[in-house]
Protein backbone atom coordinates (compact mmCIF):
# COMPACT_ATOMS: atom_id res chain seq x y z
CA MET A 1 -6.37 12.82 8.02
CA ALA A 2 -4.06 14.40 5.50
CA LYS A 3 -4.69 17.10 2.93
CA ILE A 4 -3.53 15.79 -0.44
CA LEU A 5 -3.26 17.73 -3.70
CA ILE A 6 -3.56 15.64 -6.88
CA VAL A 7 -2.13 17.34 -9.97
CA ASP A 8 -2.75 15.78 -13.39
CA ASP A 9 -4.10 17.08 -16.67
CA GLU A 10 -6.08 13.86 -17.18
CA ASP A 11 -9.45 13.92 -15.41
CA SER A 12 -9.56 10.12 -15.32
CA VAL A 13 -6.26 9.86 -13.44
CA ARG A 14 -7.33 12.48 -10.91
CA SER A 15 -10.64 10.69 -10.46
CA VAL A 16 -9.02 7.28 -9.80
CA LEU A 17 -6.53 8.75 -7.33
CA LYS A 18 -9.25 10.77 -5.60
CA ASP A 19 -11.45 7.68 -5.18
CA VAL A 20 -8.57 5.65 -3.73
CA LEU A 21 -7.50 8.36 -1.30
CA ASP A 22 -11.05 9.37 -0.36
CA ASP A 23 -11.54 5.78 0.81
CA ASN A 24 -8.76 6.42 3.33
CA GLY A 25 -10.49 9.56 4.65
CA HIS A 26 -8.06 12.15 3.28
CA ASP A 27 -9.12 15.65 2.18
CA ILE A 28 -8.44 15.80 -1.54
CA TYR A 29 -7.74 18.86 -3.68
CA GLU A 30 -7.40 18.63 -7.46
CA ALA A 31 -5.56 20.64 -10.10
CA GLY A 32 -5.29 20.18 -13.87
CA ASP A 33 -1.78 21.64 -14.15
CA GLY A 34 1.10 23.06 -12.14
CA LYS A 35 -0.13 26.64 -12.34
CA GLU A 36 -3.49 25.75 -10.78
CA ALA A 37 -1.74 23.50 -8.24
CA TYR A 38 0.56 26.30 -7.12
CA LYS A 39 -2.44 28.54 -6.39
CA ILE A 40 -4.27 25.78 -4.48
CA PHE A 41 -1.11 25.01 -2.50
CA ASN A 42 -0.72 28.64 -1.49
CA ASP A 43 -4.36 28.86 -0.39
CA ASN A 44 -4.47 25.59 1.61
CA PRO A 45 -2.28 23.69 4.08
CA ILE A 46 -1.27 20.70 1.93
CA ASP A 47 0.53 17.69 3.46
CA LEU A 48 1.31 15.75 0.27
CA ILE A 49 1.32 16.40 -3.46
CA ILE A 50 0.88 13.72 -6.09
CA THR A 51 1.82 15.24 -9.44
CA ASP A 52 2.08 14.22 -13.04
CA LEU A 53 5.10 15.61 -14.83
CA ILE A 54 3.94 16.34 -18.38
CA MET A 55 1.17 18.96 -18.26
CA PRO A 56 0.25 22.24 -19.96
CA GLU A 57 0.78 25.67 -18.37
CA LYS A 58 3.31 24.57 -15.72
CA ASN A 59 4.75 21.07 -15.80
CA GLY A 60 5.40 18.89 -12.78
CA ILE A 61 9.18 19.36 -12.84
CA ASP A 62 8.80 23.15 -12.52
CA LEU A 63 6.15 22.73 -9.83
CA ILE A 64 8.37 20.39 -7.78
CA MET A 65 11.37 22.73 -8.05
CA GLU A 66 9.37 25.79 -6.96
CA LEU A 67 7.62 24.10 -4.06
CA LYS A 68 10.71 22.30 -2.75
CA GLN A 69 12.69 25.55 -2.85
CA GLN A 70 10.10 27.22 -0.62
CA HIS A 71 9.05 24.14 1.41
CA PRO A 72 11.94 21.64 1.52
CA ASP A 73 10.06 19.25 3.84
CA LEU A 74 6.99 18.99 1.60
CA LYS A 75 6.31 15.39 0.56
CA ILE A 76 5.89 14.88 -3.20
CA LEU A 77 5.05 11.74 -5.16
CA ALA A 78 5.65 12.15 -8.91
CA ILE A 79 3.92 10.00 -11.52
CA SER A 80 4.57 9.91 -15.25
CA GLY A 81 4.16 7.72 -18.29
CA GLY A 82 6.82 9.61 -20.22
CA GLY A 83 5.80 11.26 -23.45
CA GLY A 84 6.20 14.82 -24.52
CA ILE A 85 6.67 16.85 -27.67
CA THR A 86 9.65 14.91 -28.99
CA GLY A 87 8.36 11.47 -28.03
CA ARG A 88 8.71 9.21 -25.03
CA PHE A 89 11.23 10.31 -22.42
CA ASP A 90 11.69 9.22 -18.82
CA TYR A 91 11.17 12.32 -16.67
CA LEU A 92 10.97 10.41 -13.39
CA PRO A 93 14.73 10.48 -12.66
CA ILE A 94 14.67 14.25 -13.22
CA ALA A 95 11.73 14.59 -10.82
CA LYS A 96 13.70 12.65 -8.21
CA LEU A 97 16.74 14.90 -8.72
CA VAL A 98 14.72 18.10 -8.25
CA GLY A 99 12.98 16.95 -5.09
CA ALA A 100 10.27 14.32 -5.56
CA ASN A 101 10.43 11.91 -2.62
CA ILE A 102 9.00 8.99 -4.58
CA VAL A 103 8.48 8.43 -8.32
CA ILE A 104 6.08 5.95 -9.92
CA ASN A 105 5.56 5.01 -13.57
CA LYS A 106 2.16 5.24 -15.24
CA PRO A 107 0.20 3.12 -15.56
CA PHE A 108 0.45 2.69 -11.80
CA ASN A 109 -0.79 0.05 -9.40
CA ILE A 110 -3.41 1.34 -6.95
CA GLY A 111 -1.92 -0.73 -4.12
CA GLU A 112 1.49 0.81 -4.73
CA ILE A 113 0.03 4.33 -4.67
CA ARG A 114 -1.74 3.61 -1.36
CA ALA A 115 1.43 2.17 0.18
CA LYS A 116 3.62 5.07 -0.96
CA VAL A 117 1.09 7.67 0.28
CA ILE A 118 1.07 5.99 3.70
CA GLU A 119 4.88 5.87 3.67
CA LEU A 120 5.20 9.58 2.86
CA LEU A 121 2.55 10.69 5.32
CA THR A 122 4.15 8.60 8.05
CA GLN A 123 7.50 10.29 7.32
CA ALA A 124 5.83 13.70 7.41
CA THR A 125 4.00 13.22 10.69
CA GLY A 126 5.90 10.46 12.44
CA ASN A 127 2.48 8.87 12.91
CA THR A 128 2.20 5.18 12.01
CA ALA A 129 -1.56 5.46 11.40
CA ALA A 130 -1.40 7.62 8.27
């Protein structure tokens, strides 16, 4: 199965995503921000990243830009509920512009996350049994 890195500063979001993806037999790595995620990514062969966009240390936009520059074929699913210092703002279109393959609003639907993970992993491997 795939190696998936979940990046979110909210423990509860990481926990829900981990439970859903564990059920599918994937190896799950977790990071609380982009800085931690970057280190985990460099130490492990990751197939897919699911990242929040608004986080301390290094945000998801910066993480996506760095990783896509070095690994253009890396599959990335970005999630965000907006928010930020100056109030609610939709960062998902920006994530798409800088390299996220798929973007999903928070709160998300578990079924949609499962379907999009399968879609991205199928694209990455060409295997229909992702």
